[in-house]
């Protein structure tokens, strides 16, 4: 099997080792690639993307997310369980209510970058 070497083109003034990030890039290992593929697979659902967009504005309960996504609370809970497993969202309990938010800023950045891409 032939090994393919990929070289990242550096913006003017950057060295190839530090192309765009200010640090040397490390190639992704097989486990990281598999987890990233699973993340994109979960994000391939329009309903889940609507949930991500809603949560990018702030914390919401399952009932509010169901209204935003236009699906049942049960369906939202199912989607959120998949998203929680991949650390896309996190939740906190307050009495019998669960409030969800994005796990970190990377999730919002991933959503916004994808949205910018399809809008161009």
PDB file of N, CA and C in Angstrom:
ATOM      1  N   UNK A   1       0.851  -1.182   0.000  1.00  0.00           N
ATOM      2  CA  UNK A   1       0.000   0.000   0.000  1.00  0.00           C
ATOM      3  C   UNK A   1       0.893   1.240   0.000  1.00  0.00           C
ATOM      4  N   UNK A   2       0.627   2.144  -0.889  1.00  0.00           N
ATOM      5  CA  UNK A   2       1.437   3.357  -1.000  1.00  0.00           C
ATOM      6  C   UNK A   2       1.086   4.323   0.107  1.00  0.00           C
ATOM      7  N   UNK A   3       2.102   4.961   0.657  1.00  0.00           N
ATOM      8  CA  UNK A   3       1.878   5.956   1.709  1.00  0.00           C
ATOM      9  C   UNK A   3       1.801   7.329   1.062  1.00  0.00           C
ATOM     10  N   UNK A   4       0.776   8.079   1.410  1.00  0.00           N
ATOM     11  CA  UNK A   4       0.575   9.405   0.842  1.00  0.00           C
ATOM     12  C   UNK A   4       0.970  10.434   1.880  1.00  0.00           C
ATOM     13  N   UNK A   5       1.789  11.378   1.478  1.00  0.00           N
ATOM     14  CA  UNK A   5       2.201  12.458   2.371  1.00  0.00           C
ATOM     15  C   UNK A   5       1.454  13.723   1.946  1.00  0.00           C
ATOM     16  N   UNK A   6       0.817  14.356   2.882  1.00  0.00           N
ATOM     17  CA  UNK A   6       0.105  15.596   2.614  1.00  0.00           C
ATOM     18  C   UNK A   6       0.892  16.757   3.184  1.00  0.00           C
ATOM     19  N   UNK A   7       1.052  17.781   2.394  1.00  0.00           N
ATOM     20  CA  UNK A   7       1.748  18.972   2.857  1.00  0.00           C
ATOM     21  C   UNK A   7       0.764  20.120   2.867  1.00  0.00           C
ATOM     22  N   UNK A   8       0.714  20.797   3.970  1.00  0.00           N
ATOM     23  CA  UNK A   8      -0.187  21.940   4.088  1.00  0.00           C
ATOM     24  C   UNK A   8       0.518  23.168   3.535  1.00  0.00           C
ATOM     25  N   UNK A   9      -0.185  23.900   2.692  1.00  0.00           N
ATOM     26  CA  UNK A   9       0.377  25.113   2.120  1.00  0.00           C
ATOM     27  C   UNK A   9       0.255  26.217   3.150  1.00  0.00           C
ATOM     28  N   UNK A  10       1.376  26.851   3.452  1.00  0.00           N
ATOM     29  CA  UNK A  10       1.399  27.891   4.471  1.00  0.00           C
ATOM     30  C   UNK A  10       1.036  29.242   3.872  1.00  0.00           C
ATOM     31  N   UNK A  11       0.239  30.025   4.594  1.00  0.00           N
ATOM     32  CA  UNK A  11      -0.009  31.400   4.149  1.00  0.00           C
ATOM     33  C   UNK A  11       1.307  32.167   4.131  1.00  0.00           C
ATOM     34  N   UNK A  12       1.342  33.202   3.332  1.00  0.00           N
ATOM     35  CA  UNK A  12       2.545  34.001   3.218  1.00  0.00           C
ATOM     36  C   UNK A  12       3.051  34.434   4.589  1.00  0.00           C
ATOM     37  N   UNK A  13       4.336  34.232   4.846  1.00  0.00           N
ATOM     38  CA  UNK A  13       4.924  34.638   6.113  1.00  0.00           C
ATOM     39  C   UNK A  13       4.938  33.546   7.162  1.00  0.00           C
ATOM     40  N   UNK A  14       4.218  32.459   6.949  1.00  0.00           N
ATOM     41  CA  UNK A  14       4.210  31.342   7.893  1.00  0.00           C
ATOM     42  C   UNK A  14       5.125  30.245   7.389  1.00  0.00           C
ATOM     43  N   UNK A  15       5.727  29.555   8.303  1.00  0.00           N
ATOM     44  CA  UNK A  15       6.492  28.381   7.907  1.00  0.00           C
ATOM     45  C   UNK A  15       5.524  27.224   7.751  1.00  0.00           C
ATOM     46  N   UNK A  16       5.823  26.225   6.918  1.00  0.00           N
ATOM     47  CA  UNK A  16       4.909  25.091   6.748  1.00  0.00           C
ATOM     48  C   UNK A  16       4.604  24.382   8.056  1.00  0.00           C
ATOM     49  N   UNK A  17       5.540  24.325   8.983  1.00  0.00           N
ATOM     50  CA  UNK A  17       5.321  23.625  10.257  1.00  0.00           C
ATOM     51  C   UNK A  17       4.292  24.341  11.122  1.00  0.00           C
ATOM     52  N   UNK A  18       4.144  25.640  10.909  1.00  0.00           N
ATOM     53  CA  UNK A  18       3.230  26.422  11.741  1.00  0.00           C
ATOM     54  C   UNK A  18       2.069  26.991  10.936  1.00  0.00           C
ATOM     55  N   UNK A  19       1.748  26.381   9.831  1.00  0.00           N
ATOM     56  CA  UNK A  19       0.770  26.923   8.887  1.00  0.00           C
ATOM     57  C   UNK A  19      -0.545  27.307   9.559  1.00  0.00           C
ATOM     58  N   UNK A  20      -0.741  28.610   9.742  1.00  0.00           N
ATOM     59  CA  UNK A  20      -2.009  29.145  10.190  1.00  0.00           C
ATOM     60  C   UNK A  20      -2.332  28.989  11.653  1.00  0.00           C
ATOM     61  N   UNK A  21      -1.641  28.152  12.387  1.00  0.00           N
ATOM     62  CA  UNK A  21      -2.061  27.907  13.760  1.00  0.00           C
ATOM     63  C   UNK A  21      -1.091  28.450  14.794  1.00  0.00           C
ATOM     64  N   UNK A  22       0.106  28.817  14.359  1.00  0.00           N
ATOM     65  CA  UNK A  22       1.077  29.296  15.327  1.00  0.00           C
ATOM     66  C   UNK A  22       1.771  28.145  16.049  1.00  0.00           C
ATOM     67  N   UNK A  23       1.509  26.904  15.658  1.00  0.00           N
ATOM     68  CA  UNK A  23       2.157  25.756  16.276  1.00  0.00           C
ATOM     69  C   UNK A  23       2.292  24.641  15.250  1.00  0.00           C
ATOM     70  N   UNK A  24       3.189  23.727  15.508  1.00  0.00           N
ATOM     71  CA  UNK A  24       3.366  22.601  14.604  1.00  0.00           C
ATOM     72  C   UNK A  24       2.115  21.726  14.633  1.00  0.00           C
ATOM     73  N   UNK A  25       1.678  21.275  13.464  1.00  0.00           N
ATOM     74  CA  UNK A  25       0.500  20.416  13.393  1.00  0.00           C
ATOM     75  C   UNK A  25       0.902  18.970  13.537  1.00  0.00           C
ATOM     76  N   UNK A  26       0.123  18.254  14.293  1.00  0.00           N
ATOM     77  CA  UNK A  26       0.328  16.836  14.506  1.00  0.00           C
ATOM     78  C   UNK A  26      -0.715  16.088  13.690  1.00  0.00           C
ATOM     79  N   UNK A  27      -0.308  15.052  12.989  1.00  0.00           N
ATOM     80  CA  UNK A  27      -1.257  14.265  12.206  1.00  0.00           C
ATOM     81  C   UNK A  27      -2.207  13.537  13.137  1.00  0.00           C
ATOM     82  N   UNK A  28      -3.455  13.431  12.722  1.00  0.00           N
ATOM     83  CA  UNK A  28      -4.463  12.738  13.510  1.00  0.00           C
ATOM     84  C   UNK A  28      -4.201  11.235  13.477  1.00  0.00           C
ATOM     85  N   UNK A  29      -4.385  10.605  14.635  1.00  0.00           N
ATOM     86  CA  UNK A  29      -4.233   9.149  14.664  1.00  0.00           C
ATOM     87  C   UNK A  29      -5.565   8.493  14.299  1.00  0.00           C
ATOM     88  N   UNK A  30      -5.567   7.197  14.152  1.00  0.00           N
ATOM     89  CA  UNK A  30      -6.757   6.463  13.704  1.00  0.00           C
ATOM     90  C   UNK A  30      -7.935   6.644  14.661  1.00  0.00           C
ATOM     91  N   UNK A  31      -7.671   6.665  15.946  1.00  0.00           N
ATOM     92  CA  UNK A  31      -8.731   6.837  16.933  1.00  0.00           C
ATOM     93  C   UNK A  31      -9.363   8.222  16.818  1.00  0.00           C
ATOM     94  N   UNK A  32      -8.551   9.239  16.638  1.00  0.00           N
ATOM     95  CA  UNK A  32      -9.067  10.603  16.494  1.00  0.00           C
ATOM     96  C   UNK A  32      -9.905  10.746  15.225  1.00  0.00           C
ATOM     97  N   UNK A  33      -9.442  10.140  14.149  1.00  0.00           N
ATOM     98  CA  UNK A  33     -10.186  10.183  12.880  1.00  0.00           C
ATOM     99  C   UNK A  33     -11.539   9.492  13.050  1.00  0.00           C
ATOM    100  N   UNK A  34     -11.544   8.352  13.726  1.00  0.00           N
ATOM    101  CA  UNK A  34     -12.798   7.614  13.942  1.00  0.00           C
ATOM    102  C   UNK A  34     -13.776   8.433  14.787  1.00  0.00           C
ATOM    103  N   UNK A  35     -13.282   9.085  15.848  1.00  0.00           N
ATOM    104  CA  UNK A  35     -14.152   9.905  16.697  1.00  0.00           C
ATOM    105  C   UNK A  35     -14.677  11.122  15.935  1.00  0.00           C
ATOM    106  N   UNK A  36     -13.823  11.710  15.096  1.00  0.00           N
ATOM    107  CA  UNK A  36     -14.261  12.852  14.291  1.00  0.00           C
ATOM    108  C   UNK A  36     -15.322  12.423  13.279  1.00  0.00           C
ATOM    109  N   UNK A  37     -15.126  11.273  12.659  1.00  0.00           N
ATOM    110  CA  UNK A  37     -16.122  10.753  11.710  1.00  0.00           C
ATOM    111  C   UNK A  37     -17.455  10.513  12.415  1.00  0.00           C
ATOM    112  N   UNK A  38     -17.405   9.978  13.628  1.00  0.00           N
ATOM    113  CA  UNK A  38     -18.629   9.745  14.399  1.00  0.00           C
ATOM    114  C   UNK A  38     -19.307  11.076  14.740  1.00  0.00           C
ATOM    115  N   UNK A  39     -18.520  12.094  15.056  1.00  0.00           N
ATOM    116  CA  UNK A  39     -19.069  13.418  15.335  1.00  0.00           C
ATOM    117  C   UNK A  39     -19.791  13.975  14.113  1.00  0.00           C
ATOM    118  N   UNK A  40     -19.149  13.894  12.944  1.00  0.00           N
ATOM    119  CA  UNK A  40     -19.785  14.386  11.720  1.00  0.00           C
ATOM    120  C   UNK A  40     -21.031  13.564  11.388  1.00  0.00           C
ATOM    121  N   UNK A  41     -20.989  12.275  11.662  1.00  0.00           N
ATOM    122  CA  UNK A  41     -22.148  11.416  11.422  1.00  0.00           C
ATOM    123  C   UNK A  41     -23.338  11.872  12.279  1.00  0.00           C
ATOM    124  N   UNK A  42     -23.079  12.162  13.539  1.00  0.00           N
ATOM    125  CA  UNK A  42     -24.149  12.631  14.431  1.00  0.00           C
ATOM    126  C   UNK A  42     -24.646  14.004  13.989  1.00  0.00           C
ATOM    127  N   UNK A  43     -23.758  14.840  13.514  1.00  0.00           N
ATOM    128  CA  UNK A  43     -24.150  16.185  13.075  1.00  0.00           C
ATOM    129  C   UNK A  43     -24.806  16.190  11.699  1.00  0.00           C
ATOM    130  N   UNK A  44     -24.891  15.045  11.043  1.00  0.00           N
ATOM    131  CA  UNK A  44     -25.488  14.967   9.713  1.00  0.00           C
ATOM    132  C   UNK A  44     -27.013  15.025   9.744  1.00  0.00           C
ATOM    133  N   UNK A  45     -27.589  15.172  10.907  1.00  0.00           N
ATOM    134  CA  UNK A  45     -29.041  15.236  11.062  1.00  0.00           C
ATOM    135  C   UNK A  45     -29.500  16.698  11.123  1.00  0.00           C
ATOM    136  N   UNK A  46     -30.433  17.104  10.245  1.00  0.00           N
ATOM    137  CA  UNK A  46     -30.943  18.478  10.326  1.00  0.00           C
ATOM    138  C   UNK A  46     -31.544  18.805  11.697  1.00  0.00           C
ATOM    139  N   UNK A  47     -32.206  17.834  12.322  1.00  0.00           N
ATOM    140  CA  UNK A  47     -32.778  18.091  13.649  1.00  0.00           C
ATOM    141  C   UNK A  47     -31.681  18.384  14.655  1.00  0.00           C
ATOM    142  N   UNK A  48     -30.624  17.599  14.644  1.00  0.00           N
ATOM    143  CA  UNK A  48     -29.520  17.828  15.583  1.00  0.00           C
ATOM    144  C   UNK A  48     -28.836  19.161  15.311  1.00  0.00           C
ATOM    145  N   UNK A  49     -28.735  19.537  14.060  1.00  0.00           N
ATOM    146  CA  UNK A  49     -28.145  20.840  13.753  1.00  0.00           C
ATOM    147  C   UNK A  49     -29.038  21.975  14.247  1.00  0.00           C
ATOM    148  N   UNK A  50     -30.354  21.801  14.163  1.00  0.00           N
ATOM    149  CA  UNK A  50     -31.258  22.819  14.737  1.00  0.00           C
ATOM    150  C   UNK A  50     -31.067  22.911  16.247  1.00  0.00           C
ATOM    151  N   UNK A  51     -30.857  21.765  16.892  1.00  0.00           N
ATOM    152  CA  UNK A  51     -30.604  21.775  18.336  1.00  0.00           C
ATOM    153  C   UNK A  51     -29.298  22.492  18.652  1.00  0.00           C
ATOM    154  N   UNK A  52     -28.254  22.208  17.875  1.00  0.00           N
ATOM    155  CA  UNK A  52     -26.962  22.887  18.067  1.00  0.00           C
ATOM    156  C   UNK A  52     -27.129  24.391  17.896  1.00  0.00           C
ATOM    157  N   UNK A  53     -27.843  24.797  16.849  1.00  0.00           N
ATOM    158  CA  UNK A  53     -28.040  26.231  16.615  1.00  0.00           C
ATOM    159  C   UNK A  53     -28.789  26.878  17.781  1.00  0.00           C
ATOM    160  N   UNK A  54     -29.835  26.223  18.257  1.00  0.00           N
ATOM    161  CA  UNK A  54     -30.604  26.774  19.384  1.00  0.00           C
ATOM    162  C   UNK A  54     -29.732  26.873  20.629  1.00  0.00           C
ATOM    163  N   UNK A  55     -28.937  25.852  20.883  1.00  0.00           N
ATOM    164  CA  UNK A  55     -28.085  25.850  22.079  1.00  0.00           C
ATOM    165  C   UNK A  55     -26.912  26.815  21.958  1.00  0.00           C
ATOM    166  N   UNK A  56     -26.583  27.214  20.738  1.00  0.00           N
ATOM    167  CA  UNK A  56     -25.497  28.192  20.573  1.00  0.00           C
ATOM    168  C   UNK A  56     -25.903  29.546  21.137  1.00  0.00           C
ATOM    169  N   UNK A  57     -27.216  29.746  21.320  1.00  0.00           N
ATOM    170  CA  UNK A  57     -27.725  31.001  21.879  1.00  0.00           C
ATOM    171  C   UNK A  57     -27.844  30.955  23.395  1.00  0.00           C
ATOM    172  N   UNK A  58     -27.741  29.747  23.962  1.00  0.00           N
ATOM    173  CA  UNK A  58     -27.813  29.633  25.409  1.00  0.00           C
ATOM    174  C   UNK A  58     -28.465  28.336  25.849  1.00  0.00           C
ATOM    175  N   UNK A  59     -28.506  28.166  27.134  1.00  0.00           N
ATOM    176  CA  UNK A  59     -29.045  26.962  27.756  1.00  0.00           C
ATOM    177  C   UNK A  59     -30.561  26.880  27.575  1.00  0.00           C
ATOM    178  N   UNK A  60     -31.056  25.665  27.256  1.00  0.00           N
ATOM    179  CA  UNK A  60     -32.487  25.459  27.076  1.00  0.00           C
ATOM    180  C   UNK A  60     -32.914  24.122  27.669  1.00  0.00           C
ATOM    181  N   UNK A  61     -34.170  24.036  28.077  1.00  0.00           N
ATOM    182  CA  UNK A  61     -34.713  22.771  28.571  1.00  0.00           C
ATOM    183  C   UNK A  61     -35.197  21.939  27.377  1.00  0.00           C
ATOM    184  N   UNK A  62     -35.460  20.666  27.638  1.00  0.00           N
ATOM    185  CA  UNK A  62     -35.897  19.755  26.588  1.00  0.00           C
ATOM    186  C   UNK A  62     -37.197  20.230  25.948  1.00  0.00           C
ATOM    187  N   UNK A  63     -38.120  20.737  26.738  1.00  0.00           N
ATOM    188  CA  UNK A  63     -39.399  21.189  26.172  1.00  0.00           C
ATOM    189  C   UNK A  63     -39.196  22.353  25.203  1.00  0.00           C
ATOM    190  N   UNK A  64     -38.307  23.284  25.525  1.00  0.00           N
ATOM    191  CA  UNK A  64     -38.024  24.402  24.618  1.00  0.00           C
ATOM    192  C   UNK A  64     -37.313  23.915  23.355  1.00  0.00           C
ATOM    193  N   UNK A  65     -36.393  22.970  23.521  1.00  0.00           N
ATOM    194  CA  UNK A  65     -35.693  22.417  22.365  1.00  0.00           C
ATOM    195  C   UNK A  65     -36.650  21.678  21.437  1.00  0.00           C
ATOM    196  N   UNK A  66     -37.631  20.988  22.012  1.00  0.00           N
ATOM    197  CA  UNK A  66     -38.623  20.281  21.202  1.00  0.00           C
ATOM    198  C   UNK A  66     -39.417  21.274  20.355  1.00  0.00           C
ATOM    199  N   UNK A  67     -39.772  22.393  20.951  1.00  0.00           N
ATOM    200  CA  UNK A  67     -40.524  23.420  20.226  1.00  0.00           C
ATOM    201  C   UNK A  67     -39.688  24.003  19.092  1.00  0.00           C
ATOM    202  N   UNK A  68     -38.431  24.311  19.380  1.00  0.00           N
ATOM    203  CA  UNK A  68     -37.533  24.882  18.370  1.00  0.00           C
ATOM    204  C   UNK A  68     -37.330  23.906  17.211  1.00  0.00           C
ATOM    205  N   UNK A  69     -37.118  22.636  17.529  1.00  0.00           N
ATOM    206  CA  UNK A  69     -36.825  21.634  16.502  1.00  0.00           C
ATOM    207  C   UNK A  69     -38.077  21.111  15.809  1.00  0.00           C
ATOM    208  N   UNK A  70     -39.244  21.352  16.408  1.00  0.00           N
ATOM    209  CA  UNK A  70     -40.481  20.880  15.806  1.00  0.00           C
ATOM    210  C   UNK A  70     -40.673  19.376  15.895  1.00  0.00           C
ATOM    211  N   UNK A  71     -40.129  18.779  16.970  1.00  0.00           N
ATOM    212  CA  UNK A  71     -40.276  17.333  17.195  1.00  0.00           C
ATOM    213  C   UNK A  71     -40.697  17.113  18.645  1.00  0.00           C
ATOM    214  N   UNK A  72     -41.025  15.882  18.975  1.00  0.00           N
ATOM    215  CA  UNK A  72     -41.474  15.568  20.333  1.00  0.00           C
ATOM    216  C   UNK A  72     -40.321  15.661  21.336  1.00  0.00           C
ATOM    217  N   UNK A  73     -40.680  15.807  22.596  1.00  0.00           N
ATOM    218  CA  UNK A  73     -39.664  15.831  23.655  1.00  0.00           C
ATOM    219  C   UNK A  73     -38.903  14.509  23.697  1.00  0.00           C
ATOM    220  N   UNK A  74     -39.604  13.423  23.435  1.00  0.00           N
ATOM    221  CA  UNK A  74     -38.965  12.111  23.408  1.00  0.00           C
ATOM    222  C   UNK A  74     -37.893  12.039  22.310  1.00  0.00           C
ATOM    223  N   UNK A  75     -38.224  12.576  21.135  1.00  0.00           N
ATOM    224  CA  UNK A  75     -37.259  12.592  20.025  1.00  0.00           C
ATOM    225  C   UNK A  75     -36.055  13.464  20.373  1.00  0.00           C
ATOM    226  N   UNK A  76     -36.319  14.616  20.987  1.00  0.00           N
ATOM    227  CA  UNK A  76     -35.220  15.503  21.395  1.00  0.00           C
ATOM    228  C   UNK A  76     -34.317  14.794  22.395  1.00  0.00           C
ATOM    229  N   UNK A  77     -34.907  14.121  23.366  1.00  0.00           N
ATOM    230  CA  UNK A  77     -34.116  13.397  24.369  1.00  0.00           C
ATOM    231  C   UNK A  77     -33.238  12.339  23.714  1.00  0.00           C
ATOM    232  N   UNK A  78     -33.775  11.652  22.715  1.00  0.00           N
ATOM    233  CA  UNK A  78     -32.997  10.641  21.985  1.00  0.00           C
ATOM    234  C   UNK A  78     -31.809  11.289  21.268  1.00  0.00           C
ATOM    235  N   UNK A  79     -32.058  12.393  20.581  1.00  0.00           N
ATOM    236  CA  UNK A  79     -30.982  13.114  19.889  1.00  0.00           C
ATOM    237  C   UNK A  79     -29.936  13.610  20.885  1.00  0.00           C
ATOM    238  N   UNK A  80     -30.387  14.168  21.983  1.00  0.00           N
ATOM    239  CA  UNK A  80     -29.460  14.712  22.983  1.00  0.00           C
ATOM    240  C   UNK A  80     -28.595  13.617  23.605  1.00  0.00           C
ATOM    241  N   UNK A  81     -29.136  12.422  23.773  1.00  0.00           N
ATOM    242  CA  UNK A  81     -28.346  11.315  24.317  1.00  0.00           C
ATOM    243  C   UNK A  81     -27.171  10.993  23.392  1.00  0.00           C
ATOM    244  N   UNK A  82     -27.421  10.969  22.084  1.00  0.00           N
ATOM    245  CA  UNK A  82     -26.342  10.728  21.114  1.00  0.00           C
ATOM    246  C   UNK A  82     -25.311  11.857  21.153  1.00  0.00           C
ATOM    247  N   UNK A  83     -25.810  13.062  21.285  1.00  0.00           N
ATOM    248  CA  UNK A  83     -24.926  14.225  21.302  1.00  0.00           C
ATOM    249  C   UNK A  83     -24.121  14.293  22.600  1.00  0.00           C
ATOM    250  N   UNK A  84     -24.724  13.879  23.700  1.00  0.00           N
ATOM    251  CA  UNK A  84     -24.014  13.838  24.990  1.00  0.00           C
ATOM    252  C   UNK A  84     -22.885  12.814  24.948  1.00  0.00           C
ATOM    253  N   UNK A  85     -23.140  11.672  24.327  1.00  0.00           N
ATOM    254  CA  UNK A  85     -22.140  10.607  24.246  1.00  0.00           C
ATOM    255  C   UNK A  85     -20.872  11.073  23.537  1.00  0.00           C
ATOM    256  N   UNK A  86     -21.016  12.013  22.625  1.00  0.00           N
ATOM    257  CA  UNK A  86     -19.861  12.545  21.892  1.00  0.00           C
ATOM    258  C   UNK A  86     -19.370  13.878  22.452  1.00  0.00           C
ATOM    259  N   UNK A  87     -19.891  14.252  23.616  1.00  0.00           N
ATOM    260  CA  UNK A  87     -19.508  15.493  24.287  1.00  0.00           C
ATOM    261  C   UNK A  87     -19.795  16.736  23.451  1.00  0.00           C
ATOM    262  N   UNK A  88     -20.887  16.688  22.696  1.00  0.00           N
ATOM    263  CA  UNK A  88     -21.318  17.868  21.952  1.00  0.00           C
ATOM    264  C   UNK A  88     -22.159  18.772  22.833  1.00  0.00           C
ATOM    265  N   UNK A  89     -22.910  18.166  23.758  1.00  0.00           N
ATOM    266  CA  UNK A  89     -23.737  18.917  24.694  1.00  0.00           C
ATOM    267  C   UNK A  89     -23.521  18.373  26.100  1.00  0.00           C
ATOM    268  N   UNK A  90     -23.879  19.189  27.071  1.00  0.00           N
ATOM    269  CA  UNK A  90     -23.877  18.759  28.474  1.00  0.00           C
ATOM    270  C   UNK A  90     -25.157  19.270  29.101  1.00  0.00           C
ATOM    271  N   UNK A  91     -25.488  18.746  30.250  1.00  0.00           N
ATOM    272  CA  UNK A  91     -26.724  19.163  30.889  1.00  0.00           C
ATOM    273  C   UNK A  91     -26.544  19.296  32.383  1.00  0.00           C
ATOM    274  N   UNK A  92     -27.507  19.980  32.981  1.00  0.00           N
ATOM    275  CA  UNK A  92     -27.583  20.073  34.431  1.00  0.00           C
ATOM    276  C   UNK A  92     -29.042  19.848  34.802  1.00  0.00           C
ATOM    277  N   UNK A  93     -29.238  19.290  35.949  1.00  0.00           N
ATOM    278  CA  UNK A  93     -30.593  19.041  36.441  1.00  0.00           C
ATOM    279  C   UNK A  93     -30.969  20.115  37.447  1.00  0.00           C
ATOM    280  N   UNK A  94     -32.194  20.541  37.336  1.00  0.00           N
ATOM    281  CA  UNK A  94     -32.773  21.453  38.320  1.00  0.00           C
ATOM    282  C   UNK A  94     -34.147  20.885  38.640  1.00  0.00           C
ATOM    283  N   UNK A  95     -34.241  20.244  39.778  1.00  0.00           N
ATOM    284  CA  UNK A  95     -35.449  19.520  40.155  1.00  0.00           C
ATOM    285  C   UNK A  95     -35.689  18.422  39.125  1.00  0.00           C
ATOM    286  N   UNK A  96     -36.836  18.428  38.462  1.00  0.00           N
ATOM    287  CA  UNK A  96     -37.137  17.400  37.468  1.00  0.00           C
ATOM    288  C   UNK A  96     -36.795  17.840  36.049  1.00  0.00           C
ATOM    289  N   UNK A  97     -36.285  19.049  35.887  1.00  0.00           N
ATOM    290  CA  UNK A  97     -35.977  19.598  34.564  1.00  0.00           C
ATOM    291  C   UNK A  97     -34.501  19.397  34.238  1.00  0.00           C
ATOM    292  N   UNK A  98     -34.229  19.132  32.962  1.00  0.00           N
ATOM    293  CA  UNK A  98     -32.847  19.041  32.475  1.00  0.00           C
ATOM    294  C   UNK A  98     -32.625  20.216  31.530  1.00  0.00           C
ATOM    295  N   UNK A  99     -31.553  20.955  31.768  1.00  0.00           N
ATOM    296  CA  UNK A  99     -31.190  22.094  30.938  1.00  0.00           C
ATOM    297  C   UNK A  99     -29.904  21.757  30.200  1.00  0.00           C
ATOM    298  N   UNK A 100     -29.933  21.950  28.882  1.00  0.00           N
ATOM    299  CA  UNK A 100     -28.805  21.597  28.025  1.00  0.00           C
ATOM    300  C   UNK A 100     -28.090  22.830  27.525  1.00  0.00           C
ATOM    301  N   UNK A 101     -26.800  22.652  27.256  1.00  0.00           N
ATOM    302  CA  UNK A 101     -25.985  23.695  26.631  1.00  0.00           C
ATOM    303  C   UNK A 101     -24.901  22.999  25.821  1.00  0.00           C
ATOM    304  N   UNK A 102     -24.259  23.751  24.948  1.00  0.00           N
ATOM    305  CA  UNK A 102     -23.150  23.180  24.183  1.00  0.00           C
ATOM    306  C   UNK A 102     -22.018  22.841  25.137  1.00  0.00           C
ATOM    307  N   UNK A 103     -21.302  21.772  24.841  1.00  0.00           N
ATOM    308  CA  UNK A 103     -20.239  21.331  25.725  1.00  0.00           C
ATOM    309  C   UNK A 103     -19.093  22.340  25.794  1.00  0.00           C
ATOM    310  N   UNK A 104     -18.740  22.925  24.653  1.00  0.00           N
ATOM    311  CA  UNK A 104     -17.699  23.961  24.644  1.00  0.00           C
ATOM    312  C   UNK A 104     -17.807  24.800  23.372  1.00  0.00           C
ATOM    313  N   UNK A 105     -16.947  25.793  23.264  1.00  0.00           N
ATOM    314  CA  UNK A 105     -16.997  26.721  22.133  1.00  0.00           C
ATOM    315  C   UNK A 105     -16.651  26.062  20.801  1.00  0.00           C
ATOM    316  N   UNK A 106     -15.942  24.932  20.830  1.00  0.00           N
ATOM    317  CA  UNK A 106     -15.590  24.259  19.580  1.00  0.00           C
ATOM    318  C   UNK A 106     -16.826  23.814  18.814  1.00  0.00           C
ATOM    319  N   UNK A 107     -17.859  23.430  19.517  1.00  0.00           N
ATOM    320  CA  UNK A 107     -19.077  22.943  18.870  1.00  0.00           C
ATOM    321  C   UNK A 107     -19.744  24.081  18.109  1.00  0.00           C
ATOM    322  N   UNK A 108     -19.857  25.247  18.729  1.00  0.00           N
ATOM    323  CA  UNK A 108     -20.429  26.405  18.055  1.00  0.00           C
ATOM    324  C   UNK A 108     -19.559  26.805  16.869  1.00  0.00           C
ATOM    325  N   UNK A 109     -18.243  26.783  17.053  1.00  0.00           N
ATOM    326  CA  UNK A 109     -17.327  27.148  15.973  1.00  0.00           C
ATOM    327  C   UNK A 109     -17.475  26.174  14.791  1.00  0.00           C
ATOM    328  N   UNK A 110     -17.606  24.884  15.087  1.00  0.00           N
ATOM    329  CA  UNK A 110     -17.795  23.885  14.039  1.00  0.00           C
ATOM    330  C   UNK A 110     -19.089  24.151  13.271  1.00  0.00           C
ATOM    331  N   UNK A 111     -20.163  24.440  14.000  1.00  0.00           N
ATOM    332  CA  UNK A 111     -21.448  24.747  13.363  1.00  0.00           C
ATOM    333  C   UNK A 111     -21.336  26.003  12.503  1.00  0.00           C
ATOM    334  N   UNK A 112     -20.785  27.068  13.059  1.00  0.00           N
ATOM    335  CA  UNK A 112     -20.676  28.345  12.330  1.00  0.00           C
ATOM    336  C   UNK A 112     -19.789  28.214  11.101  1.00  0.00           C
ATOM    337  N   UNK A 113     -18.692  27.473  11.218  1.00  0.00           N
ATOM    338  CA  UNK A 113     -17.788  27.279  10.083  1.00  0.00           C
ATOM    339  C   UNK A 113     -18.502  26.523   8.966  1.00  0.00           C
ATOM    340  N   UNK A 114     -19.239  25.483   9.331  1.00  0.00           N
ATOM    341  CA  UNK A 114     -20.005  24.732   8.329  1.00  0.00           C
ATOM    342  C   UNK A 114     -21.069  25.592   7.671  1.00  0.00           C
ATOM    343  N   UNK A 115     -21.757  26.389   8.451  1.00  0.00           N
ATOM    344  CA  UNK A 115     -22.783  27.275   7.923  1.00  0.00           C
ATOM    345  C   UNK A 115     -22.179  28.304   6.969  1.00  0.00           C
ATOM    346  N   UNK A 116     -21.043  28.894   7.356  1.00  0.00           N
ATOM    347  CA  UNK A 116     -20.357  29.828   6.472  1.00  0.00           C
ATOM    348  C   UNK A 116     -19.984  29.150   5.162  1.00  0.00           C
ATOM    349  N   UNK A 117     -19.540  27.925   5.241  1.00  0.00           N
ATOM    350  CA  UNK A 117     -19.126  27.181   4.043  1.00  0.00           C
ATOM    351  C   UNK A 117     -20.299  26.995   3.073  1.00  0.00           C
ATOM    352  N   UNK A 118     -21.455  26.586   3.579  1.00  0.00           N
ATOM    353  CA  UNK A 118     -22.589  26.343   2.681  1.00  0.00           C
ATOM    354  C   UNK A 118     -23.203  27.643   2.179  1.00  0.00           C
ATOM    355  N   UNK A 119     -22.971  28.741   2.868  1.00  0.00           N
ATOM    356  CA  UNK A 119     -23.505  30.034   2.422  1.00  0.00           C
ATOM    357  C   UNK A 119     -22.651  30.687   1.347  1.00  0.00           C
ATOM    358  N   UNK A 120     -21.419  30.256   1.188  1.00  0.00           N
ATOM    359  CA  UNK A 120     -20.524  30.870   0.184  1.00  0.00           C
ATOM    360  C   UNK A 120     -20.860  30.419  -1.212  1.00  0.00           C
TER     361      UNK A 120
END
